[in-house]
Amino acid sequence: PLPPAATATFISTDVPVTAAPSGGLRWRIASVIPVSGISGQVLNISVALQATVPDDSLIHDIRVSKSLPFGQSSGSALYSDTFATGKLSGADLGTSCTPFGGATTFDDRVATEPLEAGAAPYAGVFDSTPGASTLTAMAAVLRTPDYSNGDWVLEILVEAGANATLECWSLKIEYQP
């Protein structure tokens, strides 16, 4: 029999981060969490965040990604309005940094509704964007510790000029040691 699954939680230390020009029509917020100690295949990924955004309709994408060996990357669109702008309304994402509490939390195993089905400040648990690369699909790619350890990046793209700040985010990885 396999040993029980293990869980590791990693918390951002480079926040708060404010949206800044990134060349083009969108401004970007990016934060990195270094991950180490994952010793087996990833089974599940949860991402929790809190962001101050006076107008959530200006959010275009929320993504998490991980660089892989040989210059490849694995990523998941947690929220994307690439094809229909302004699906969110109100202000802010989350009310605290507590995953499965006041944070905006993405976990495909627990949630059944996408972010746009919620209401501001979107404190709760949501499914990653349907039809996009999900957190579940991303976990399936991270087969070895070489793939899962290293820098993970959370990226939020907002309309140019948007006054948005990522206050905090965390990454919870369940893996089979």
N, C-alpha and C. Protein backbone atom coordinates (compact mmCIF):
# COMPACT_ATOMS: atom_id res chain seq x y z
N PRO A 1 0.83 -1.21 0.00
CA PRO A 1 0.00 0.00 0.00
C PRO A 1 0.86 1.26 0.00
N LEU A 2 0.34 2.29 -0.61
CA LEU A 2 1.02 3.59 -0.64
C LEU A 2 0.92 4.28 0.71
N PRO A 3 1.93 5.06 1.07
CA PRO A 3 1.81 5.84 2.30
C PRO A 3 0.73 6.91 2.12
N PRO A 4 0.20 7.43 3.22
CA PRO A 4 -0.83 8.46 3.09
C PRO A 4 -0.28 9.69 2.37
N ALA A 5 -1.17 10.39 1.70
CA ALA A 5 -0.77 11.62 1.00
C ALA A 5 -0.28 12.64 2.02
N ALA A 6 0.64 13.47 1.58
CA ALA A 6 1.18 14.56 2.41
C ALA A 6 0.70 15.89 1.83
N THR A 7 0.67 16.90 2.67
CA THR A 7 0.27 18.23 2.24
C THR A 7 1.30 19.24 2.70
N ALA A 8 1.65 20.15 1.81
CA ALA A 8 2.57 21.25 2.14
C ALA A 8 1.92 22.56 1.71
N THR A 9 2.05 23.57 2.55
CA THR A 9 1.50 24.89 2.25
C THR A 9 2.65 25.89 2.18
N PHE A 10 2.61 26.71 1.15
CA PHE A 10 3.64 27.73 0.91
C PHE A 10 2.95 29.08 0.82
N ILE A 11 3.56 30.10 1.45
CA ILE A 11 2.95 31.43 1.54
C ILE A 11 3.87 32.46 0.91
N SER A 12 3.28 33.38 0.15
CA SER A 12 4.06 34.42 -0.52
C SER A 12 4.75 35.32 0.50
N THR A 13 5.95 35.76 0.14
CA THR A 13 6.68 36.68 1.01
C THR A 13 7.01 37.98 0.27
N ASP A 14 6.68 38.05 -1.02
CA ASP A 14 7.02 39.25 -1.81
C ASP A 14 5.80 40.14 -2.06
N VAL A 15 4.84 40.10 -1.15
CA VAL A 15 3.62 40.90 -1.27
C VAL A 15 3.59 41.94 -0.17
N PRO A 16 2.84 43.01 -0.32
CA PRO A 16 1.92 43.33 -1.40
C PRO A 16 2.66 43.73 -2.69
N VAL A 17 1.98 43.46 -3.82
CA VAL A 17 2.49 43.82 -5.14
C VAL A 17 1.38 44.58 -5.86
N THR A 18 1.73 45.73 -6.42
CA THR A 18 0.77 46.57 -7.12
C THR A 18 0.89 46.38 -8.63
N ALA A 19 -0.23 46.51 -9.32
CA ALA A 19 -0.25 46.38 -10.78
C ALA A 19 0.68 47.42 -11.40
N ALA A 20 1.41 46.99 -12.43
CA ALA A 20 2.35 47.87 -13.11
C ALA A 20 2.27 47.61 -14.62
N PRO A 21 2.64 48.61 -15.42
CA PRO A 21 2.61 48.41 -16.88
C PRO A 21 3.48 47.22 -17.28
N SER A 22 2.98 46.45 -18.24
CA SER A 22 3.72 45.28 -18.70
C SER A 22 3.85 45.25 -20.22
N GLY A 23 3.67 46.39 -20.84
CA GLY A 23 3.75 46.45 -22.30
C GLY A 23 2.46 45.95 -22.91
N GLY A 24 1.66 46.82 -23.41
CA GLY A 24 0.40 46.42 -24.00
C GLY A 24 -0.77 47.06 -23.28
N LEU A 25 -1.94 46.49 -23.49
CA LEU A 25 -3.17 47.05 -22.95
C LEU A 25 -3.48 46.59 -21.54
N ARG A 26 -2.69 45.67 -21.00
CA ARG A 26 -2.93 45.12 -19.67
C ARG A 26 -1.79 45.49 -18.73
N TRP A 27 -2.11 45.65 -17.46
CA TRP A 27 -1.10 45.79 -16.43
C TRP A 27 -1.02 44.45 -15.70
N ARG A 28 0.13 44.20 -15.09
CA ARG A 28 0.41 42.88 -14.54
C ARG A 28 0.80 42.98 -13.06
N ILE A 29 0.28 42.03 -12.30
CA ILE A 29 0.74 41.79 -10.93
C ILE A 29 1.34 40.39 -10.96
N ALA A 30 2.53 40.23 -10.44
CA ALA A 30 3.16 38.90 -10.40
C ALA A 30 3.85 38.71 -9.06
N SER A 31 3.69 37.52 -8.50
CA SER A 31 4.32 37.16 -7.24
C SER A 31 4.82 35.73 -7.35
N VAL A 32 5.97 35.47 -6.74
CA VAL A 32 6.62 34.16 -6.82
C VAL A 32 6.65 33.50 -5.45
N ILE A 33 6.33 32.21 -5.42
CA ILE A 33 6.52 31.40 -4.22
C ILE A 33 7.51 30.30 -4.55
N PRO A 34 8.67 30.26 -3.86
CA PRO A 34 9.59 29.14 -4.05
C PRO A 34 9.08 27.90 -3.31
N VAL A 35 9.03 26.80 -4.01
CA VAL A 35 8.53 25.54 -3.44
C VAL A 35 9.68 24.55 -3.35
N SER A 36 9.78 23.89 -2.21
CA SER A 36 10.78 22.83 -2.03
C SER A 36 10.20 21.79 -1.08
N GLY A 37 10.78 20.61 -1.13
CA GLY A 37 10.37 19.55 -0.21
C GLY A 37 9.28 18.64 -0.73
N ILE A 38 8.76 18.89 -1.93
CA ILE A 38 7.76 17.99 -2.51
C ILE A 38 8.51 16.76 -2.99
N SER A 39 8.14 15.59 -2.46
CA SER A 39 8.93 14.39 -2.74
C SER A 39 8.20 13.34 -3.58
N GLY A 40 7.10 13.71 -4.19
CA GLY A 40 6.37 12.75 -5.00
C GLY A 40 5.41 13.42 -5.94
N GLN A 41 4.58 12.62 -6.60
CA GLN A 41 3.64 13.11 -7.59
C GLN A 41 2.58 14.00 -6.93
N VAL A 42 2.30 15.15 -7.56
CA VAL A 42 1.28 16.07 -7.07
C VAL A 42 -0.10 15.47 -7.33
N LEU A 43 -0.95 15.49 -6.31
CA LEU A 43 -2.31 14.96 -6.41
C LEU A 43 -3.34 16.07 -6.53
N ASN A 44 -3.10 17.18 -5.82
CA ASN A 44 -4.06 18.29 -5.84
C ASN A 44 -3.34 19.60 -5.54
N ILE A 45 -3.85 20.66 -6.13
CA ILE A 45 -3.30 22.00 -5.93
C ILE A 45 -4.45 22.93 -5.54
N SER A 46 -4.22 23.75 -4.51
CA SER A 46 -5.16 24.81 -4.12
C SER A 46 -4.40 26.12 -4.11
N VAL A 47 -5.03 27.16 -4.59
CA VAL A 47 -4.45 28.50 -4.59
C VAL A 47 -5.43 29.43 -3.89
N ALA A 48 -4.94 30.19 -2.90
CA ALA A 48 -5.77 31.15 -2.18
C ALA A 48 -5.14 32.52 -2.29
N LEU A 49 -5.96 33.56 -2.43
CA LEU A 49 -5.42 34.91 -2.57
C LEU A 49 -6.37 35.95 -2.03
N GLN A 50 -5.80 37.12 -1.75
CA GLN A 50 -6.58 38.31 -1.42
C GLN A 50 -5.99 39.44 -2.24
N ALA A 51 -6.85 40.20 -2.92
CA ALA A 51 -6.40 41.34 -3.71
C ALA A 51 -7.36 42.50 -3.52
N THR A 52 -6.78 43.70 -3.44
CA THR A 52 -7.58 44.91 -3.38
C THR A 52 -7.74 45.41 -4.81
N VAL A 53 -8.97 45.39 -5.28
CA VAL A 53 -9.29 45.81 -6.65
C VAL A 53 -10.58 46.61 -6.58
N PRO A 54 -10.52 47.94 -6.72
CA PRO A 54 -11.74 48.74 -6.60
C PRO A 54 -12.83 48.40 -7.62
N ASP A 55 -12.44 47.84 -8.77
CA ASP A 55 -13.42 47.47 -9.80
C ASP A 55 -13.02 46.12 -10.40
N ASP A 56 -13.67 45.05 -9.91
CA ASP A 56 -13.32 43.70 -10.35
C ASP A 56 -13.56 43.47 -11.84
N SER A 57 -14.38 44.30 -12.48
CA SER A 57 -14.62 44.11 -13.91
C SER A 57 -13.36 44.40 -14.73
N LEU A 58 -12.35 45.01 -14.12
CA LEU A 58 -11.09 45.31 -14.81
C LEU A 58 -10.10 44.14 -14.76
N ILE A 59 -10.46 43.05 -14.07
CA ILE A 59 -9.60 41.87 -14.01
C ILE A 59 -9.81 41.05 -15.28
N HIS A 60 -8.73 40.74 -15.97
CA HIS A 60 -8.81 39.95 -17.20
C HIS A 60 -8.38 38.51 -17.00
N ASP A 61 -7.37 38.28 -16.21
CA ASP A 61 -6.89 36.91 -16.01
C ASP A 61 -6.25 36.78 -14.64
N ILE A 62 -6.40 35.60 -14.06
CA ILE A 62 -5.66 35.19 -12.87
C ILE A 62 -5.10 33.83 -13.22
N ARG A 63 -3.78 33.70 -13.14
CA ARG A 63 -3.12 32.45 -13.56
C ARG A 63 -2.06 32.04 -12.55
N VAL A 64 -1.84 30.74 -12.46
CA VAL A 64 -0.72 30.21 -11.70
C VAL A 64 0.09 29.35 -12.66
N SER A 65 1.41 29.45 -12.56
CA SER A 65 2.25 28.67 -13.48
C SER A 65 3.49 28.18 -12.76
N LYS A 66 4.09 27.16 -13.36
CA LYS A 66 5.30 26.54 -12.84
C LYS A 66 6.20 26.21 -14.01
N SER A 67 7.44 26.70 -13.98
CA SER A 67 8.41 26.35 -15.02
C SER A 67 8.84 24.91 -14.85
N LEU A 68 8.99 24.23 -15.95
CA LEU A 68 9.41 22.83 -15.95
C LEU A 68 10.79 22.72 -16.58
N PRO A 69 11.46 21.59 -16.41
CA PRO A 69 12.76 21.40 -17.05
C PRO A 69 12.64 21.58 -18.57
N PHE A 70 13.72 21.91 -19.19
CA PHE A 70 13.81 22.06 -20.64
C PHE A 70 12.99 23.23 -21.18
N GLY A 71 12.76 24.27 -20.36
CA GLY A 71 12.10 25.48 -20.81
C GLY A 71 10.60 25.38 -21.00
N GLN A 72 10.00 24.27 -20.61
CA GLN A 72 8.56 24.14 -20.71
C GLN A 72 7.91 24.76 -19.49
N SER A 73 6.60 24.90 -19.52
CA SER A 73 5.89 25.37 -18.33
C SER A 73 4.54 24.70 -18.25
N SER A 74 4.03 24.64 -17.03
CA SER A 74 2.69 24.13 -16.78
C SER A 74 1.93 25.27 -16.13
N GLY A 75 0.71 25.47 -16.53
CA GLY A 75 -0.04 26.57 -15.95
C GLY A 75 -1.53 26.31 -15.92
N SER A 76 -2.22 27.09 -15.12
CA SER A 76 -3.66 26.99 -15.02
C SER A 76 -4.26 28.38 -14.99
N ALA A 77 -5.29 28.58 -15.81
CA ALA A 77 -6.06 29.82 -15.75
C ALA A 77 -7.06 29.66 -14.62
N LEU A 78 -6.84 30.34 -13.53
CA LEU A 78 -7.77 30.26 -12.40
C LEU A 78 -9.05 31.01 -12.75
N TYR A 79 -8.88 32.12 -13.44
CA TYR A 79 -10.00 32.92 -13.95
C TYR A 79 -9.53 33.56 -15.24
N SER A 80 -10.38 33.58 -16.25
CA SER A 80 -10.02 34.23 -17.50
C SER A 80 -11.27 34.78 -18.16
N ASP A 81 -11.19 36.03 -18.60
CA ASP A 81 -12.30 36.60 -19.35
C ASP A 81 -11.83 37.00 -20.74
N THR A 82 -10.89 36.22 -21.26
CA THR A 82 -10.29 36.51 -22.55
C THR A 82 -11.34 36.74 -23.63
N PHE A 83 -12.44 36.01 -23.57
CA PHE A 83 -13.43 36.10 -24.64
C PHE A 83 -14.64 36.96 -24.29
N ALA A 84 -14.81 37.33 -23.03
CA ALA A 84 -15.95 38.15 -22.63
C ALA A 84 -15.54 39.02 -21.45
N THR A 85 -15.24 40.27 -21.70
CA THR A 85 -14.74 41.13 -20.63
C THR A 85 -15.82 41.47 -19.62
N GLY A 86 -15.36 41.78 -18.42
CA GLY A 86 -16.24 42.27 -17.38
C GLY A 86 -17.18 41.24 -16.78
N LYS A 87 -16.77 39.98 -16.65
CA LYS A 87 -17.63 38.96 -16.06
C LYS A 87 -17.73 39.11 -14.54
N LEU A 88 -16.77 39.80 -13.93
CA LEU A 88 -16.81 40.03 -12.49
C LEU A 88 -17.36 41.42 -12.22
N SER A 89 -17.89 41.62 -11.01
CA SER A 89 -18.39 42.95 -10.64
C SER A 89 -18.06 43.19 -9.17
N GLY A 90 -18.28 44.40 -8.73
CA GLY A 90 -18.00 44.74 -7.34
C GLY A 90 -16.53 45.06 -7.13
N ALA A 91 -16.08 44.89 -5.90
CA ALA A 91 -14.71 45.23 -5.55
C ALA A 91 -14.06 44.12 -4.75
N ASP A 92 -12.78 43.95 -4.98
CA ASP A 92 -11.89 43.09 -4.21
C ASP A 92 -12.07 41.59 -4.47
N LEU A 93 -11.00 40.87 -4.15
CA LEU A 93 -10.99 39.41 -4.18
C LEU A 93 -10.62 38.96 -2.77
N GLY A 94 -11.54 38.32 -2.08
CA GLY A 94 -11.29 37.85 -0.73
C GLY A 94 -11.35 38.96 0.30
N THR A 95 -11.51 38.54 1.56
CA THR A 95 -11.55 39.47 2.69
C THR A 95 -10.40 39.26 3.65
N SER A 96 -9.65 38.15 3.45
CA SER A 96 -8.49 37.85 4.28
C SER A 96 -7.59 36.91 3.50
N CYS A 97 -6.51 36.51 4.13
CA CYS A 97 -5.57 35.58 3.49
C CYS A 97 -5.80 34.14 3.92
N THR A 98 -6.91 33.85 4.58
CA THR A 98 -7.17 32.51 5.09
C THR A 98 -7.77 31.61 4.01
N PRO A 99 -7.01 30.60 3.53
CA PRO A 99 -7.56 29.67 2.54
C PRO A 99 -8.80 28.96 3.09
N PHE A 100 -9.79 28.75 2.26
CA PHE A 100 -11.04 28.10 2.63
C PHE A 100 -11.76 28.88 3.73
N GLY A 101 -11.39 30.16 3.87
CA GLY A 101 -12.03 31.06 4.83
C GLY A 101 -12.38 32.34 4.10
N GLY A 102 -11.67 33.41 4.40
CA GLY A 102 -11.96 34.69 3.77
C GLY A 102 -11.27 34.92 2.45
N ALA A 103 -10.33 34.07 2.07
CA ALA A 103 -9.60 34.25 0.81
C ALA A 103 -10.45 33.79 -0.38
N THR A 104 -10.09 34.27 -1.56
CA THR A 104 -10.61 33.71 -2.80
C THR A 104 -9.75 32.48 -3.05
N THR A 105 -10.35 31.31 -2.96
CA THR A 105 -9.61 30.04 -3.04
C THR A 105 -10.05 29.26 -4.26
N PHE A 106 -9.07 28.73 -5.00
CA PHE A 106 -9.35 27.89 -6.15
C PHE A 106 -8.92 26.47 -5.81
N ASP A 107 -9.87 25.53 -5.91
CA ASP A 107 -9.59 24.12 -5.66
C ASP A 107 -10.61 23.30 -6.44
N ASP A 108 -10.16 22.62 -7.48
CA ASP A 108 -11.05 21.87 -8.36
C ASP A 108 -11.71 20.67 -7.67
N ARG A 109 -11.08 20.13 -6.64
CA ARG A 109 -11.65 18.97 -5.95
C ARG A 109 -12.82 19.34 -5.05
N VAL A 110 -12.83 20.58 -4.57
CA VAL A 110 -13.84 21.00 -3.61
C VAL A 110 -14.95 21.82 -4.27
N ALA A 111 -14.59 22.70 -5.17
CA ALA A 111 -15.55 23.65 -5.75
C ALA A 111 -16.22 23.08 -6.99
N THR A 112 -17.38 23.62 -7.29
CA THR A 112 -18.09 23.23 -8.51
C THR A 112 -18.44 24.44 -9.37
N GLU A 113 -18.28 25.64 -8.83
CA GLU A 113 -18.65 26.86 -9.56
C GLU A 113 -17.40 27.68 -9.88
N PRO A 114 -17.35 28.30 -11.07
CA PRO A 114 -16.24 29.21 -11.39
C PRO A 114 -16.40 30.53 -10.65
N LEU A 115 -15.33 31.32 -10.63
CA LEU A 115 -15.31 32.60 -9.92
C LEU A 115 -16.47 33.50 -10.34
N GLU A 116 -16.75 33.58 -11.64
CA GLU A 116 -17.79 34.50 -12.11
C GLU A 116 -19.19 34.12 -11.62
N ALA A 117 -19.37 32.93 -11.05
CA ALA A 117 -20.66 32.53 -10.48
C ALA A 117 -20.83 33.10 -9.07
N GLY A 118 -19.75 33.62 -8.48
CA GLY A 118 -19.80 34.18 -7.13
C GLY A 118 -20.16 35.65 -7.15
N ALA A 119 -20.00 36.28 -5.99
CA ALA A 119 -20.27 37.71 -5.84
C ALA A 119 -19.14 38.34 -5.05
N ALA A 120 -18.87 39.61 -5.34
CA ALA A 120 -17.81 40.34 -4.65
C ALA A 120 -18.07 40.31 -3.15
N PRO A 121 -17.05 40.13 -2.36
CA PRO A 121 -15.62 40.09 -2.66
C PRO A 121 -15.09 38.70 -2.99
N TYR A 122 -15.93 37.80 -3.42
CA TYR A 122 -15.52 36.47 -3.89
C TYR A 122 -14.73 35.69 -2.84
N ALA A 123 -15.16 35.81 -1.59
CA ALA A 123 -14.56 35.00 -0.51
C ALA A 123 -15.24 33.64 -0.54
N GLY A 124 -14.47 32.62 -0.82
CA GLY A 124 -15.03 31.27 -0.91
C GLY A 124 -14.13 30.40 -1.75
N VAL A 125 -14.66 29.24 -2.14
CA VAL A 125 -13.88 28.26 -2.90
C VAL A 125 -14.49 28.14 -4.29
N PHE A 126 -13.63 28.25 -5.30
CA PHE A 126 -14.08 28.25 -6.70
C PHE A 126 -13.29 27.25 -7.52
N ASP A 127 -13.93 26.81 -8.59
CA ASP A 127 -13.33 25.92 -9.57
C ASP A 127 -12.50 26.78 -10.53
N SER A 128 -11.36 26.26 -11.00
CA SER A 128 -10.62 27.03 -12.00
C SER A 128 -11.44 27.09 -13.29
N THR A 129 -11.12 28.03 -14.14
CA THR A 129 -11.92 28.35 -15.31
C THR A 129 -12.27 27.13 -16.16
N PRO A 130 -13.57 26.85 -16.34
CA PRO A 130 -13.96 25.73 -17.18
C PRO A 130 -13.47 25.93 -18.61
N GLY A 131 -13.05 24.87 -19.24
CA GLY A 131 -12.58 24.94 -20.62
C GLY A 131 -11.13 25.36 -20.74
N ALA A 132 -10.54 25.81 -19.65
CA ALA A 132 -9.13 26.20 -19.66
C ALA A 132 -8.32 25.08 -19.02
N SER A 133 -7.03 25.28 -18.92
CA SER A 133 -6.18 24.31 -18.23
C SER A 133 -6.46 24.41 -16.74
N THR A 134 -7.03 23.40 -16.16
CA THR A 134 -7.45 23.43 -14.77
C THR A 134 -6.31 23.08 -13.82
N LEU A 135 -6.52 23.35 -12.54
CA LEU A 135 -5.55 22.95 -11.53
C LEU A 135 -5.40 21.43 -11.50
N THR A 136 -6.49 20.71 -11.74
CA THR A 136 -6.43 19.25 -11.77
C THR A 136 -5.52 18.78 -12.90
N ALA A 137 -5.66 19.39 -14.07
CA ALA A 137 -4.81 19.03 -15.21
C ALA A 137 -3.35 19.40 -14.93
N MET A 138 -3.14 20.54 -14.27
CA MET A 138 -1.79 20.96 -13.94
C MET A 138 -1.15 19.96 -12.97
N ALA A 139 -1.91 19.49 -11.98
CA ALA A 139 -1.39 18.51 -11.03
C ALA A 139 -0.96 17.23 -11.74
N ALA A 140 -1.71 16.84 -12.76
CA ALA A 140 -1.39 15.61 -13.50
C ALA A 140 -0.06 15.72 -14.25
N VAL A 141 0.33 16.94 -14.63
CA VAL A 141 1.60 17.16 -15.34
C VAL A 141 2.79 17.07 -14.39
N LEU A 142 2.58 17.43 -13.13
CA LEU A 142 3.67 17.50 -12.15
C LEU A 142 3.94 16.12 -11.55
N ARG A 143 4.51 15.24 -12.35
CA ARG A 143 4.68 13.84 -11.98
C ARG A 143 5.86 13.58 -11.06
N THR A 144 6.87 14.43 -11.08
CA THR A 144 8.07 14.17 -10.28
C THR A 144 8.43 15.41 -9.48
N PRO A 145 9.20 15.25 -8.41
CA PRO A 145 9.65 16.41 -7.65
C PRO A 145 10.43 17.42 -8.50
N ASP A 146 11.13 16.95 -9.54
CA ASP A 146 11.84 17.89 -10.43
C ASP A 146 10.86 18.87 -11.07
N TYR A 147 9.65 18.41 -11.30
CA TYR A 147 8.64 19.26 -11.94
C TYR A 147 7.91 20.15 -10.94
N SER A 148 7.71 19.69 -9.71
CA SER A 148 6.89 20.44 -8.77
C SER A 148 7.67 21.39 -7.87
N ASN A 149 8.94 21.08 -7.57
CA ASN A 149 9.74 21.99 -6.76
C ASN A 149 10.28 23.11 -7.63
N GLY A 150 10.50 24.28 -7.02
CA GLY A 150 10.98 25.45 -7.76
C GLY A 150 10.00 26.60 -7.64
N ASP A 151 10.16 27.60 -8.48
CA ASP A 151 9.33 28.81 -8.38
C ASP A 151 7.97 28.64 -9.05
N TRP A 152 6.92 28.97 -8.29
CA TRP A 152 5.56 29.03 -8.79
C TRP A 152 5.19 30.51 -8.87
N VAL A 153 4.46 30.89 -9.90
CA VAL A 153 4.12 32.30 -10.12
C VAL A 153 2.60 32.48 -10.18
N LEU A 154 2.10 33.43 -9.41
CA LEU A 154 0.71 33.86 -9.54
C LEU A 154 0.75 35.17 -10.31
N GLU A 155 -0.09 35.26 -11.32
CA GLU A 155 -0.13 36.45 -12.17
C GLU A 155 -1.58 36.92 -12.31
N ILE A 156 -1.79 38.21 -12.12
CA ILE A 156 -3.09 38.82 -12.32
C ILE A 156 -2.92 39.89 -13.38
N LEU A 157 -3.72 39.82 -14.44
CA LEU A 157 -3.71 40.83 -15.49
C LEU A 157 -4.96 41.69 -15.35
N VAL A 158 -4.75 43.00 -15.32
CA VAL A 158 -5.86 43.94 -15.18
C VAL A 158 -5.79 44.97 -16.30
N GLU A 159 -6.89 45.69 -16.47
CA GLU A 159 -6.94 46.76 -17.47
C GLU A 159 -5.87 47.80 -17.15
N ALA A 160 -5.25 48.35 -18.18
CA ALA A 160 -4.21 49.37 -17.99
C ALA A 160 -4.74 50.50 -17.11
N GLY A 161 -3.95 50.90 -16.13
CA GLY A 161 -4.32 51.98 -15.23
C GLY A 161 -5.12 51.54 -14.01
N ALA A 162 -5.50 50.28 -13.95
CA ALA A 162 -6.28 49.79 -12.80
C ALA A 162 -5.45 49.86 -11.53
N ASN A 163 -6.07 50.31 -10.48
CA ASN A 163 -5.43 50.41 -9.18
C ASN A 163 -5.68 49.09 -8.44
N ALA A 164 -4.80 48.12 -8.64
CA ALA A 164 -5.00 46.79 -8.05
C ALA A 164 -3.74 46.36 -7.31
N THR A 165 -3.93 45.68 -6.18
CA THR A 165 -2.81 45.21 -5.37
C THR A 165 -3.09 43.79 -4.90
N LEU A 166 -2.13 42.90 -5.13
CA LEU A 166 -2.19 41.55 -4.57
C LEU A 166 -1.67 41.66 -3.14
N GLU A 167 -2.53 41.37 -2.17
CA GLU A 167 -2.17 41.50 -0.76
C GLU A 167 -1.43 40.26 -0.25
N CYS A 168 -1.85 39.09 -0.72
CA CYS A 168 -1.25 37.83 -0.27
C CYS A 168 -1.74 36.70 -1.17
N TRP A 169 -0.99 35.61 -1.15
CA TRP A 169 -1.46 34.37 -1.78
C TRP A 169 -0.71 33.21 -1.20
N SER A 170 -1.32 32.04 -1.28
CA SER A 170 -0.69 30.82 -0.78
C SER A 170 -0.99 29.68 -1.74
N LEU A 171 -0.16 28.68 -1.63
CA LEU A 171 -0.24 27.51 -2.49
C LEU A 171 -0.23 26.28 -1.59
N LYS A 172 -1.24 25.42 -1.74
CA LYS A 172 -1.31 24.18 -0.96
C LYS A 172 -1.16 23.04 -1.95
N ILE A 173 -0.18 22.18 -1.72
CA ILE A 173 0.10 21.06 -2.62
C ILE A 173 -0.06 19.76 -1.85
N GLU A 174 -0.96 18.91 -2.34
CA GLU A 174 -1.10 17.57 -1.80
C GLU A 174 -0.35 16.64 -2.74
N TYR A 175 0.49 15.77 -2.17
CA TYR A 175 1.32 14.91 -3.01
C TYR A 175 1.47 13.52 -2.40
N GLN A 176 1.84 12.58 -3.25
CA GLN A 176 2.06 11.22 -2.81
C GLN A 176 3.55 11.01 -2.58
N PRO A 177 4.01 10.92 -1.31
CA PRO A 177 5.46 10.75 -1.08
C PRO A 177 5.99 9.41 -1.54
